[in-house]
Amino acid sequence: MWLAFLGAAWVISLSPGAGAVASMSSGLAHGLRRGYWNILGLQLGLLLQIAIVAAGVGAILARSATAFTVIKWFGVAYLVYLGIRQWRARPAEAAPESPARGGSAPALVLRGFLVNASNPKAVVFMLAVLPQFLDPVAPLLPQYLTIAVTMVAVDVVVMTGYTGLAARVLTLMRSARQQTVTNRVFSGLFLIAAAFLATVRRAATV
């Protein structure tokens, strides 16, 4: 059962989404080392999603059109905000590992957390998927802890890969024009993610 879930966790983490875009954006702007703060925030958001499902709140979110809509549009607005910031970002003049504007550790952690925490579709998706890997006659808490550790471990590896790839791209870019074009590309990816989230309907995800 755990091996089956491990395979599912890899598929879920590798699937392109707002978390992957946020990781690559952080790697591009701040390098791999500082990008780990964004990854930490993503994992805190992921743990919150699992806790919501484990506590039964996910079922309420899946049934409540109002709650789903509020969280969804908050997520859309935040992704649009990130897209605008990425579009307006200036080419880096310092080394990739040096702190950039808005690149403090708390800011990066909060950014990653909000990207994951503001996605109601992910919560409803987990509500549909996680019970398939649970033994209803066994204690649930150890099982949810195992699921949480597994998902976080896999996601850290995957997001490190995305962040490191983008950081590598940054070291290869020398001209301000190259960096500007890349920033515009990532801005577009954030806006695409926002548009995709905006089209999600509660009835289609339950």
N, C-alpha and C. Protein backbone atom coordinates (compact mmCIF):
# COMPACT_ATOMS: atom_id res chain seq x y z
N MET A 1 0.82 -1.20 0.00
CA MET A 1 0.00 0.00 0.00
C MET A 1 0.87 1.26 0.00
N TRP A 2 1.91 1.23 0.84
CA TRP A 2 2.78 2.41 0.92
C TRP A 2 3.54 2.61 -0.39
N LEU A 3 4.00 1.52 -1.01
CA LEU A 3 4.71 1.65 -2.28
C LEU A 3 3.80 2.24 -3.36
N ALA A 4 2.53 1.86 -3.34
CA ALA A 4 1.57 2.42 -4.29
C ALA A 4 1.39 3.91 -4.06
N PHE A 5 1.32 4.29 -2.77
CA PHE A 5 1.18 5.72 -2.47
C PHE A 5 2.45 6.48 -2.83
N LEU A 6 3.61 5.87 -2.62
CA LEU A 6 4.87 6.51 -2.98
C LEU A 6 4.89 6.85 -4.47
N GLY A 7 4.44 5.90 -5.28
CA GLY A 7 4.36 6.16 -6.72
C GLY A 7 3.40 7.29 -7.03
N ALA A 8 2.26 7.32 -6.35
CA ALA A 8 1.28 8.38 -6.56
C ALA A 8 1.85 9.74 -6.14
N ALA A 9 2.61 9.75 -5.04
CA ALA A 9 3.20 11.00 -4.55
C ALA A 9 4.16 11.59 -5.57
N TRP A 10 4.93 10.73 -6.24
CA TRP A 10 5.85 11.22 -7.27
C TRP A 10 5.09 11.82 -8.43
N VAL A 11 4.01 11.16 -8.84
CA VAL A 11 3.21 11.67 -9.95
C VAL A 11 2.60 13.03 -9.59
N ILE A 12 2.07 13.14 -8.36
CA ILE A 12 1.45 14.38 -7.92
C ILE A 12 2.47 15.52 -7.88
N SER A 13 3.65 15.26 -7.32
CA SER A 13 4.66 16.31 -7.18
C SER A 13 5.25 16.74 -8.52
N LEU A 14 5.43 15.77 -9.42
CA LEU A 14 6.03 16.08 -10.71
C LEU A 14 5.07 16.80 -11.64
N SER A 15 3.77 16.71 -11.37
CA SER A 15 2.79 17.38 -12.23
C SER A 15 2.99 18.89 -12.17
N PRO A 16 3.10 19.54 -13.32
CA PRO A 16 3.31 21.00 -13.32
C PRO A 16 2.17 21.72 -12.63
N GLY A 17 2.50 22.69 -11.82
CA GLY A 17 1.49 23.45 -11.10
C GLY A 17 2.09 24.72 -10.53
N ALA A 18 1.30 25.41 -9.72
CA ALA A 18 1.75 26.68 -9.15
C ALA A 18 2.99 26.48 -8.26
N GLY A 19 3.07 25.35 -7.55
CA GLY A 19 4.22 25.09 -6.70
C GLY A 19 5.50 24.97 -7.50
N ALA A 20 5.43 24.29 -8.64
CA ALA A 20 6.60 24.14 -9.50
C ALA A 20 7.02 25.50 -10.06
N VAL A 21 6.04 26.30 -10.47
CA VAL A 21 6.35 27.63 -11.01
C VAL A 21 6.99 28.50 -9.92
N ALA A 22 6.43 28.44 -8.70
CA ALA A 22 6.98 29.22 -7.60
C ALA A 22 8.41 28.79 -7.28
N SER A 23 8.68 27.48 -7.34
CA SER A 23 10.03 26.99 -7.06
C SER A 23 11.02 27.46 -8.12
N MET A 24 10.63 27.36 -9.38
CA MET A 24 11.53 27.80 -10.45
C MET A 24 11.73 29.31 -10.40
N SER A 25 10.68 30.03 -10.07
CA SER A 25 10.79 31.48 -9.95
C SER A 25 11.76 31.87 -8.83
N SER A 26 11.67 31.17 -7.70
CA SER A 26 12.57 31.45 -6.57
C SER A 26 14.01 31.11 -6.93
N GLY A 27 14.20 29.97 -7.62
CA GLY A 27 15.54 29.60 -8.04
C GLY A 27 16.12 30.61 -9.00
N LEU A 28 15.28 31.13 -9.88
CA LEU A 28 15.74 32.11 -10.85
C LEU A 28 16.15 33.42 -10.18
N ALA A 29 15.37 33.84 -9.18
CA ALA A 29 15.61 35.13 -8.54
C ALA A 29 16.64 35.07 -7.43
N HIS A 30 16.70 33.94 -6.70
CA HIS A 30 17.51 33.91 -5.48
C HIS A 30 18.54 32.79 -5.43
N GLY A 31 18.52 31.87 -6.39
CA GLY A 31 19.46 30.77 -6.34
C GLY A 31 18.92 29.61 -5.52
N LEU A 32 19.64 28.49 -5.55
CA LEU A 32 19.16 27.28 -4.89
C LEU A 32 19.13 27.41 -3.38
N ARG A 33 20.18 27.98 -2.79
CA ARG A 33 20.27 28.01 -1.33
C ARG A 33 19.11 28.77 -0.71
N ARG A 34 18.83 29.97 -1.21
CA ARG A 34 17.72 30.75 -0.66
C ARG A 34 16.38 30.20 -1.14
N GLY A 35 16.40 29.50 -2.27
CA GLY A 35 15.16 28.89 -2.76
C GLY A 35 14.60 27.85 -1.81
N TYR A 36 15.46 27.30 -0.93
CA TYR A 36 14.97 26.31 0.04
C TYR A 36 13.95 26.93 1.01
N TRP A 37 14.01 28.23 1.24
CA TRP A 37 13.01 28.85 2.10
C TRP A 37 11.64 28.79 1.45
N ASN A 38 11.59 29.00 0.14
CA ASN A 38 10.33 28.86 -0.57
C ASN A 38 9.83 27.42 -0.50
N ILE A 39 10.74 26.46 -0.64
CA ILE A 39 10.37 25.05 -0.56
C ILE A 39 9.81 24.72 0.82
N LEU A 40 10.41 25.30 1.87
CA LEU A 40 9.89 25.10 3.22
C LEU A 40 8.45 25.59 3.32
N GLY A 41 8.19 26.77 2.77
CA GLY A 41 6.83 27.29 2.79
C GLY A 41 5.85 26.40 2.05
N LEU A 42 6.28 25.87 0.90
CA LEU A 42 5.43 24.95 0.15
C LEU A 42 5.07 23.73 0.98
N GLN A 43 6.04 23.21 1.72
CA GLN A 43 5.78 22.01 2.53
C GLN A 43 4.85 22.32 3.69
N LEU A 44 4.97 23.52 4.27
CA LEU A 44 4.04 23.89 5.34
C LEU A 44 2.62 23.98 4.80
N GLY A 45 2.49 24.51 3.58
CA GLY A 45 1.17 24.55 2.95
C GLY A 45 0.65 23.16 2.65
N LEU A 46 1.54 22.27 2.22
CA LEU A 46 1.15 20.89 1.94
C LEU A 46 0.69 20.18 3.22
N LEU A 47 1.43 20.39 4.31
CA LEU A 47 1.03 19.79 5.59
C LEU A 47 -0.32 20.31 6.05
N LEU A 48 -0.58 21.60 5.79
CA LEU A 48 -1.88 22.15 6.15
C LEU A 48 -2.99 21.47 5.36
N GLN A 49 -2.76 21.24 4.07
CA GLN A 49 -3.75 20.55 3.24
C GLN A 49 -4.04 19.15 3.77
N ILE A 50 -2.99 18.41 4.13
CA ILE A 50 -3.17 17.06 4.66
C ILE A 50 -3.91 17.11 6.00
N ALA A 51 -3.58 18.08 6.84
CA ALA A 51 -4.24 18.20 8.14
C ALA A 51 -5.72 18.52 7.96
N ILE A 52 -6.03 19.35 6.96
CA ILE A 52 -7.43 19.69 6.69
C ILE A 52 -8.22 18.45 6.29
N VAL A 53 -7.61 17.63 5.44
CA VAL A 53 -8.28 16.40 5.02
C VAL A 53 -8.42 15.44 6.20
N ALA A 54 -7.34 15.29 6.98
CA ALA A 54 -7.36 14.36 8.11
C ALA A 54 -8.39 14.77 9.17
N ALA A 55 -8.58 16.07 9.34
CA ALA A 55 -9.51 16.56 10.36
C ALA A 55 -10.95 16.55 9.87
N GLY A 56 -11.17 16.22 8.62
CA GLY A 56 -12.52 16.18 8.09
C GLY A 56 -13.01 17.51 7.56
N VAL A 57 -12.16 18.55 7.67
CA VAL A 57 -12.56 19.86 7.17
C VAL A 57 -12.60 19.87 5.65
N GLY A 58 -11.79 19.01 5.03
CA GLY A 58 -11.78 18.95 3.57
C GLY A 58 -13.14 18.59 3.01
N ALA A 59 -13.88 17.73 3.72
CA ALA A 59 -15.22 17.36 3.26
C ALA A 59 -16.15 18.56 3.29
N ILE A 60 -15.99 19.40 4.31
CA ILE A 60 -16.80 20.62 4.40
C ILE A 60 -16.47 21.55 3.23
N LEU A 61 -15.17 21.70 2.96
CA LEU A 61 -14.75 22.55 1.85
C LEU A 61 -15.30 22.03 0.53
N ALA A 62 -15.31 20.71 0.37
CA ALA A 62 -15.81 20.12 -0.87
C ALA A 62 -17.30 20.37 -1.05
N ARG A 63 -18.04 20.45 0.07
CA ARG A 63 -19.49 20.63 -0.01
C ARG A 63 -19.91 22.08 -0.02
N SER A 64 -19.07 22.97 0.51
CA SER A 64 -19.44 24.38 0.65
C SER A 64 -18.98 25.18 -0.56
N ALA A 65 -19.94 25.64 -1.34
CA ALA A 65 -19.61 26.45 -2.52
C ALA A 65 -18.98 27.77 -2.10
N THR A 66 -19.46 28.35 -1.01
CA THR A 66 -18.93 29.65 -0.56
C THR A 66 -17.48 29.54 -0.13
N ALA A 67 -17.17 28.55 0.72
CA ALA A 67 -15.79 28.38 1.18
C ALA A 67 -14.85 28.08 0.02
N PHE A 68 -15.28 27.21 -0.87
CA PHE A 68 -14.45 26.86 -2.02
C PHE A 68 -14.18 28.09 -2.87
N THR A 69 -15.21 28.89 -3.14
CA THR A 69 -15.07 30.06 -4.00
C THR A 69 -14.16 31.12 -3.38
N VAL A 70 -14.32 31.36 -2.08
CA VAL A 70 -13.50 32.37 -1.40
C VAL A 70 -12.02 31.99 -1.47
N ILE A 71 -11.71 30.74 -1.14
CA ILE A 71 -10.32 30.31 -1.16
C ILE A 71 -9.78 30.31 -2.59
N LYS A 72 -10.62 29.88 -3.53
CA LYS A 72 -10.18 29.83 -4.92
C LYS A 72 -9.80 31.21 -5.44
N TRP A 73 -10.64 32.20 -5.21
CA TRP A 73 -10.35 33.53 -5.75
C TRP A 73 -9.22 34.22 -5.01
N PHE A 74 -9.04 33.87 -3.74
CA PHE A 74 -7.85 34.37 -3.05
C PHE A 74 -6.60 33.81 -3.72
N GLY A 75 -6.64 32.51 -4.05
CA GLY A 75 -5.50 31.89 -4.73
C GLY A 75 -5.27 32.50 -6.10
N VAL A 76 -6.33 32.77 -6.84
CA VAL A 76 -6.20 33.40 -8.16
C VAL A 76 -5.55 34.77 -8.02
N ALA A 77 -6.05 35.57 -7.07
CA ALA A 77 -5.52 36.92 -6.87
C ALA A 77 -4.04 36.87 -6.50
N TYR A 78 -3.67 35.91 -5.65
CA TYR A 78 -2.27 35.83 -5.22
C TYR A 78 -1.36 35.43 -6.38
N LEU A 79 -1.79 34.49 -7.22
CA LEU A 79 -0.99 34.09 -8.37
C LEU A 79 -0.85 35.23 -9.36
N VAL A 80 -1.91 36.01 -9.55
CA VAL A 80 -1.82 37.19 -10.43
C VAL A 80 -0.83 38.20 -9.86
N TYR A 81 -0.88 38.38 -8.54
CA TYR A 81 0.07 39.28 -7.88
C TYR A 81 1.51 38.83 -8.11
N LEU A 82 1.75 37.52 -7.97
CA LEU A 82 3.10 37.00 -8.21
C LEU A 82 3.49 37.19 -9.67
N GLY A 83 2.54 37.02 -10.58
CA GLY A 83 2.83 37.22 -11.99
C GLY A 83 3.23 38.65 -12.29
N ILE A 84 2.52 39.60 -11.70
CA ILE A 84 2.84 41.01 -11.91
C ILE A 84 4.20 41.34 -11.34
N ARG A 85 4.49 40.82 -10.15
CA ARG A 85 5.81 41.07 -9.55
C ARG A 85 6.92 40.48 -10.41
N GLN A 86 6.69 39.29 -10.94
CA GLN A 86 7.71 38.66 -11.78
C GLN A 86 7.91 39.48 -13.06
N TRP A 87 6.85 40.00 -13.62
CA TRP A 87 6.95 40.80 -14.85
C TRP A 87 7.77 42.06 -14.61
N ARG A 88 7.58 42.66 -13.43
CA ARG A 88 8.25 43.92 -13.11
C ARG A 88 9.63 43.72 -12.49
N ALA A 89 10.02 42.46 -12.26
CA ALA A 89 11.32 42.20 -11.63
C ALA A 89 12.46 42.71 -12.50
N ARG A 90 13.43 43.28 -11.86
CA ARG A 90 14.59 43.79 -12.57
C ARG A 90 15.65 42.70 -12.70
N PRO A 91 16.46 42.78 -13.75
CA PRO A 91 17.54 41.80 -13.90
C PRO A 91 18.48 41.84 -12.69
N ALA A 92 18.93 40.65 -12.27
CA ALA A 92 19.81 40.56 -11.10
C ALA A 92 21.18 41.12 -11.45
N GLU A 93 21.69 41.95 -10.54
CA GLU A 93 23.01 42.53 -10.75
C GLU A 93 24.05 41.88 -9.85
N ALA A 94 23.57 41.16 -8.82
CA ALA A 94 24.48 40.51 -7.88
C ALA A 94 24.54 39.04 -8.18
N ALA A 95 25.30 38.32 -7.35
CA ALA A 95 25.41 36.87 -7.51
C ALA A 95 24.08 36.22 -7.22
N PRO A 96 23.79 35.05 -7.81
CA PRO A 96 22.51 34.40 -7.63
C PRO A 96 22.14 34.13 -6.18
N GLU A 97 23.14 33.88 -5.32
CA GLU A 97 22.85 33.51 -3.94
C GLU A 97 22.65 34.72 -3.04
N SER A 98 22.83 35.94 -3.58
CA SER A 98 22.67 37.12 -2.74
C SER A 98 21.20 37.45 -2.58
N PRO A 99 20.78 38.01 -1.41
CA PRO A 99 19.38 38.32 -1.20
C PRO A 99 18.90 39.38 -2.17
N ALA A 100 17.75 39.15 -2.78
CA ALA A 100 17.15 40.13 -3.65
C ALA A 100 15.99 40.79 -2.92
N ARG A 101 15.49 41.84 -3.52
CA ARG A 101 14.36 42.53 -2.90
C ARG A 101 13.20 41.56 -2.74
N GLY A 102 12.62 41.54 -1.55
CA GLY A 102 11.52 40.62 -1.30
C GLY A 102 11.97 39.19 -1.11
N GLY A 103 13.30 39.00 -0.98
CA GLY A 103 13.82 37.64 -0.90
C GLY A 103 14.29 37.25 0.49
N SER A 104 13.76 37.91 1.53
CA SER A 104 14.12 37.51 2.88
C SER A 104 13.54 36.14 3.16
N ALA A 105 14.14 35.44 4.12
CA ALA A 105 13.68 34.09 4.44
C ALA A 105 12.20 34.06 4.82
N PRO A 106 11.72 34.93 5.73
CA PRO A 106 10.29 34.89 6.08
C PRO A 106 9.39 35.16 4.87
N ALA A 107 9.81 36.08 3.99
CA ALA A 107 8.99 36.40 2.82
C ALA A 107 8.89 35.21 1.88
N LEU A 108 10.00 34.49 1.70
CA LEU A 108 9.99 33.33 0.82
C LEU A 108 9.17 32.18 1.41
N VAL A 109 9.27 31.99 2.72
CA VAL A 109 8.48 30.95 3.38
C VAL A 109 6.99 31.26 3.24
N LEU A 110 6.62 32.52 3.50
CA LEU A 110 5.22 32.92 3.39
C LEU A 110 4.72 32.77 1.96
N ARG A 111 5.55 33.13 1.01
CA ARG A 111 5.16 33.02 -0.39
C ARG A 111 4.86 31.56 -0.76
N GLY A 112 5.76 30.67 -0.40
CA GLY A 112 5.53 29.26 -0.70
C GLY A 112 4.31 28.71 0.01
N PHE A 113 4.13 29.11 1.26
CA PHE A 113 2.98 28.63 2.03
C PHE A 113 1.67 29.06 1.38
N LEU A 114 1.59 30.34 0.99
CA LEU A 114 0.35 30.84 0.40
C LEU A 114 0.05 30.19 -0.94
N VAL A 115 1.07 29.88 -1.71
CA VAL A 115 0.86 29.24 -3.01
C VAL A 115 0.13 27.91 -2.83
N ASN A 116 0.55 27.11 -1.86
CA ASN A 116 -0.10 25.81 -1.63
C ASN A 116 -1.39 25.93 -0.83
N ALA A 117 -1.38 26.79 0.19
CA ALA A 117 -2.53 26.88 1.10
C ALA A 117 -3.75 27.49 0.43
N SER A 118 -3.54 28.27 -0.63
CA SER A 118 -4.67 28.97 -1.27
C SER A 118 -5.21 28.21 -2.48
N ASN A 119 -4.96 26.91 -2.53
CA ASN A 119 -5.44 26.10 -3.66
C ASN A 119 -6.49 25.09 -3.16
N PRO A 120 -7.78 25.44 -3.21
CA PRO A 120 -8.81 24.52 -2.71
C PRO A 120 -8.92 23.26 -3.55
N LYS A 121 -8.54 23.35 -4.83
CA LYS A 121 -8.62 22.17 -5.69
C LYS A 121 -7.71 21.07 -5.15
N ALA A 122 -6.53 21.46 -4.62
CA ALA A 122 -5.58 20.48 -4.09
C ALA A 122 -6.18 19.77 -2.89
N VAL A 123 -6.89 20.51 -2.03
CA VAL A 123 -7.50 19.89 -0.86
C VAL A 123 -8.56 18.89 -1.27
N VAL A 124 -9.42 19.29 -2.22
CA VAL A 124 -10.48 18.39 -2.67
C VAL A 124 -9.88 17.18 -3.38
N PHE A 125 -8.78 17.41 -4.13
CA PHE A 125 -8.11 16.31 -4.80
C PHE A 125 -7.57 15.31 -3.78
N MET A 126 -6.94 15.83 -2.72
CA MET A 126 -6.42 14.93 -1.67
C MET A 126 -7.55 14.21 -0.97
N LEU A 127 -8.68 14.90 -0.80
CA LEU A 127 -9.83 14.27 -0.16
C LEU A 127 -10.30 13.06 -0.95
N ALA A 128 -10.14 13.13 -2.27
CA ALA A 128 -10.55 12.01 -3.13
C ALA A 128 -9.50 10.92 -3.21
N VAL A 129 -8.22 11.30 -3.09
CA VAL A 129 -7.12 10.35 -3.32
C VAL A 129 -6.65 9.66 -2.05
N LEU A 130 -6.43 10.42 -0.98
CA LEU A 130 -5.80 9.85 0.22
C LEU A 130 -6.56 8.69 0.83
N PRO A 131 -7.90 8.75 0.91
CA PRO A 131 -8.62 7.61 1.53
C PRO A 131 -8.38 6.28 0.83
N GLN A 132 -8.00 6.32 -0.43
CA GLN A 132 -7.74 5.07 -1.15
C GLN A 132 -6.51 4.34 -0.61
N PHE A 133 -5.66 5.06 0.11
CA PHE A 133 -4.43 4.47 0.64
C PHE A 133 -4.48 4.31 2.15
N LEU A 134 -5.68 4.36 2.71
CA LEU A 134 -5.85 4.21 4.15
C LEU A 134 -6.53 2.88 4.47
N ASP A 135 -6.11 2.27 5.57
CA ASP A 135 -6.76 1.06 6.07
C ASP A 135 -7.77 1.51 7.13
N PRO A 136 -9.07 1.44 6.84
CA PRO A 136 -10.07 1.99 7.77
C PRO A 136 -10.13 1.28 9.11
N VAL A 137 -9.63 0.05 9.19
CA VAL A 137 -9.70 -0.68 10.46
C VAL A 137 -8.46 -0.45 11.32
N ALA A 138 -7.45 0.20 10.77
CA ALA A 138 -6.22 0.50 11.52
C ALA A 138 -6.28 1.94 12.02
N PRO A 139 -5.49 2.27 13.05
CA PRO A 139 -5.46 3.66 13.55
C PRO A 139 -5.10 4.63 12.42
N LEU A 140 -5.86 5.72 12.32
CA LEU A 140 -5.69 6.64 11.20
C LEU A 140 -4.52 7.61 11.39
N LEU A 141 -4.25 8.02 12.63
CA LEU A 141 -3.21 9.01 12.86
C LEU A 141 -1.84 8.55 12.34
N PRO A 142 -1.38 7.33 12.69
CA PRO A 142 -0.08 6.89 12.14
C PRO A 142 -0.08 6.83 10.62
N GLN A 143 -1.22 6.48 10.03
CA GLN A 143 -1.28 6.41 8.58
C GLN A 143 -1.16 7.81 7.95
N TYR A 144 -1.86 8.78 8.54
CA TYR A 144 -1.77 10.15 8.02
C TYR A 144 -0.36 10.72 8.23
N LEU A 145 0.28 10.37 9.34
CA LEU A 145 1.65 10.82 9.56
C LEU A 145 2.59 10.23 8.52
N THR A 146 2.39 8.96 8.19
CA THR A 146 3.20 8.31 7.16
C THR A 146 2.98 8.97 5.81
N ILE A 147 1.72 9.26 5.50
CA ILE A 147 1.40 9.94 4.25
C ILE A 147 2.05 11.32 4.20
N ALA A 148 1.98 12.06 5.31
CA ALA A 148 2.55 13.41 5.35
C ALA A 148 4.05 13.37 5.14
N VAL A 149 4.74 12.48 5.86
CA VAL A 149 6.20 12.37 5.73
C VAL A 149 6.58 11.99 4.30
N THR A 150 5.85 11.04 3.73
CA THR A 150 6.15 10.59 2.38
C THR A 150 5.96 11.70 1.36
N MET A 151 4.82 12.41 1.44
CA MET A 151 4.55 13.47 0.48
C MET A 151 5.53 14.62 0.60
N VAL A 152 5.86 14.99 1.82
CA VAL A 152 6.82 16.08 2.03
C VAL A 152 8.20 15.70 1.51
N ALA A 153 8.65 14.48 1.81
CA ALA A 153 9.97 14.04 1.36
C ALA A 153 10.06 14.04 -0.17
N VAL A 154 9.03 13.51 -0.82
CA VAL A 154 9.02 13.47 -2.28
C VAL A 154 8.96 14.88 -2.85
N ASP A 155 8.10 15.72 -2.27
CA ASP A 155 7.93 17.08 -2.80
C ASP A 155 9.19 17.91 -2.62
N VAL A 156 9.91 17.72 -1.52
CA VAL A 156 11.16 18.45 -1.31
C VAL A 156 12.16 18.09 -2.41
N VAL A 157 12.26 16.81 -2.74
CA VAL A 157 13.18 16.37 -3.79
C VAL A 157 12.78 16.99 -5.13
N VAL A 158 11.50 16.94 -5.46
CA VAL A 158 11.03 17.45 -6.75
C VAL A 158 11.20 18.96 -6.83
N MET A 159 10.80 19.69 -5.78
CA MET A 159 10.90 21.14 -5.81
C MET A 159 12.36 21.60 -5.77
N THR A 160 13.22 20.82 -5.13
CA THR A 160 14.65 21.12 -5.18
C THR A 160 15.16 21.01 -6.61
N GLY A 161 14.66 20.00 -7.33
CA GLY A 161 15.05 19.85 -8.73
C GLY A 161 14.60 21.04 -9.57
N TYR A 162 13.34 21.47 -9.39
CA TYR A 162 12.84 22.63 -10.13
C TYR A 162 13.64 23.89 -9.78
N THR A 163 13.90 24.09 -8.48
CA THR A 163 14.63 25.27 -8.03
C THR A 163 16.06 25.26 -8.56
N GLY A 164 16.71 24.10 -8.44
CA GLY A 164 18.09 23.99 -8.91
C GLY A 164 18.20 24.19 -10.41
N LEU A 165 17.23 23.69 -11.16
CA LEU A 165 17.24 23.88 -12.61
C LEU A 165 17.17 25.35 -12.96
N ALA A 166 16.26 26.08 -12.31
CA ALA A 166 16.14 27.51 -12.57
C ALA A 166 17.38 28.27 -12.13
N ALA A 167 17.95 27.87 -10.99
CA ALA A 167 19.18 28.52 -10.52
C ALA A 167 20.32 28.30 -11.51
N ARG A 168 20.37 27.13 -12.11
CA ARG A 168 21.38 26.84 -13.13
C ARG A 168 21.19 27.73 -14.35
N VAL A 169 19.94 27.95 -14.72
CA VAL A 169 19.65 28.83 -15.85
C VAL A 169 20.14 30.24 -15.55
N LEU A 170 19.96 30.69 -14.29
CA LEU A 170 20.39 32.03 -13.91
C LEU A 170 21.89 32.20 -14.07
N THR A 171 22.66 31.17 -13.73
CA THR A 171 24.12 31.28 -13.85
C THR A 171 24.56 31.34 -15.31
N LEU A 172 23.72 30.87 -16.22
CA LEU A 172 24.06 30.89 -17.65
C LEU A 172 23.64 32.19 -18.33
N MET A 173 22.78 32.95 -17.66
CA MET A 173 22.31 34.20 -18.26
C MET A 173 23.21 35.35 -17.84
N ARG A 174 23.76 36.04 -18.81
CA ARG A 174 24.67 37.14 -18.52
C ARG A 174 24.06 38.50 -18.82
N SER A 175 23.22 38.58 -19.83
CA SER A 175 22.71 39.88 -20.24
C SER A 175 21.40 40.20 -19.53
N ALA A 176 21.16 41.50 -19.37
CA ALA A 176 19.92 41.95 -18.74
C ALA A 176 18.72 41.56 -19.61
N ARG A 177 18.90 41.56 -20.91
CA ARG A 177 17.80 41.20 -21.81
C ARG A 177 17.38 39.74 -21.60
N GLN A 178 18.35 38.84 -21.46
CA GLN A 178 18.03 37.44 -21.23
C GLN A 178 17.24 37.26 -19.94
N GLN A 179 17.67 37.95 -18.89
CA GLN A 179 16.99 37.83 -17.60
C GLN A 179 15.59 38.43 -17.67
N THR A 180 15.44 39.53 -18.39
CA THR A 180 14.13 40.15 -18.53
C THR A 180 13.16 39.22 -19.26
N VAL A 181 13.63 38.61 -20.35
CA VAL A 181 12.78 37.69 -21.10
C VAL A 181 12.36 36.52 -20.22
N THR A 182 13.31 35.98 -19.44
CA THR A 182 13.01 34.86 -18.57
C THR A 182 11.99 35.25 -17.50
N ASN A 183 12.15 36.44 -16.93
CA ASN A 183 11.18 36.92 -15.95
C ASN A 183 9.79 37.03 -16.56
N ARG A 184 9.72 37.48 -17.80
CA ARG A 184 8.43 37.61 -18.47
C ARG A 184 7.80 36.23 -18.71
N VAL A 185 8.64 35.25 -19.02
CA VAL A 185 8.14 33.89 -19.23
C VAL A 185 7.52 33.35 -17.94
N PHE A 186 8.24 33.52 -16.82
CA PHE A 186 7.72 33.02 -15.54
C PHE A 186 6.48 33.81 -15.11
N SER A 187 6.44 35.09 -15.45
CA SER A 187 5.24 35.88 -15.18
C SER A 187 4.05 35.28 -15.91
N GLY A 188 4.25 34.90 -17.17
CA GLY A 188 3.19 34.27 -17.94
C GLY A 188 2.75 32.95 -17.33
N LEU A 189 3.70 32.18 -16.79
CA LEU A 189 3.35 30.90 -16.17
C LEU A 189 2.49 31.11 -14.93
N PHE A 190 2.82 32.13 -14.13
CA PHE A 190 1.99 32.43 -12.96
C PHE A 190 0.58 32.81 -13.39
N LEU A 191 0.46 33.61 -14.44
CA LEU A 191 -0.85 34.04 -14.91
C LEU A 191 -1.63 32.88 -15.51
N ILE A 192 -0.94 31.96 -16.18
CA ILE A 192 -1.61 30.76 -16.70
C ILE A 192 -2.14 29.91 -15.55
N ALA A 193 -1.31 29.76 -14.50
CA ALA A 193 -1.76 29.00 -13.33
C ALA A 193 -2.97 29.67 -12.69
N ALA A 194 -2.98 31.01 -12.64
CA ALA A 194 -4.12 31.74 -12.08
C ALA A 194 -5.37 31.51 -12.93
N ALA A 195 -5.19 31.57 -14.25
CA ALA A 195 -6.33 31.36 -15.14
C ALA A 195 -6.89 29.95 -15.01
N PHE A 196 -5.99 28.97 -14.87
CA PHE A 196 -6.43 27.59 -14.71
C PHE A 196 -7.22 27.42 -13.42
N LEU A 197 -6.71 28.01 -12.33
CA LEU A 197 -7.41 27.90 -11.05
C LEU A 197 -8.77 28.60 -11.12
N ALA A 198 -8.84 29.71 -11.87
CA ALA A 198 -10.10 30.45 -11.98
C ALA A 198 -11.19 29.63 -12.68
N THR A 199 -10.78 28.70 -13.53
CA THR A 199 -11.77 27.90 -14.27
C THR A 199 -12.27 26.70 -13.48
N VAL A 200 -11.62 26.41 -12.35
CA VAL A 200 -12.02 25.24 -11.55
C VAL A 200 -13.37 25.46 -10.92
N ARG A 201 -14.24 24.51 -11.07
CA ARG A 201 -15.57 24.57 -10.44
C ARG A 201 -15.67 23.49 -9.37
N ARG A 202 -16.32 23.82 -8.30
CA ARG A 202 -16.45 22.87 -7.18
C ARG A 202 -17.13 21.59 -7.62
N ALA A 203 -18.18 21.69 -8.43
CA ALA A 203 -18.92 20.50 -8.85
C ALA A 203 -18.08 19.57 -9.68
N ALA A 204 -17.09 20.14 -10.38
CA ALA A 204 -16.25 19.32 -11.26
C ALA A 204 -15.16 18.62 -10.49
N THR A 205 -14.91 19.03 -9.25
CA THR A 205 -13.79 18.46 -8.50
C THR A 205 -14.25 17.49 -7.43
N VAL A 206 -15.52 17.41 -7.15
CA VAL A 206 -16.05 16.55 -6.09
C VAL A 206 -16.39 15.19 -6.68
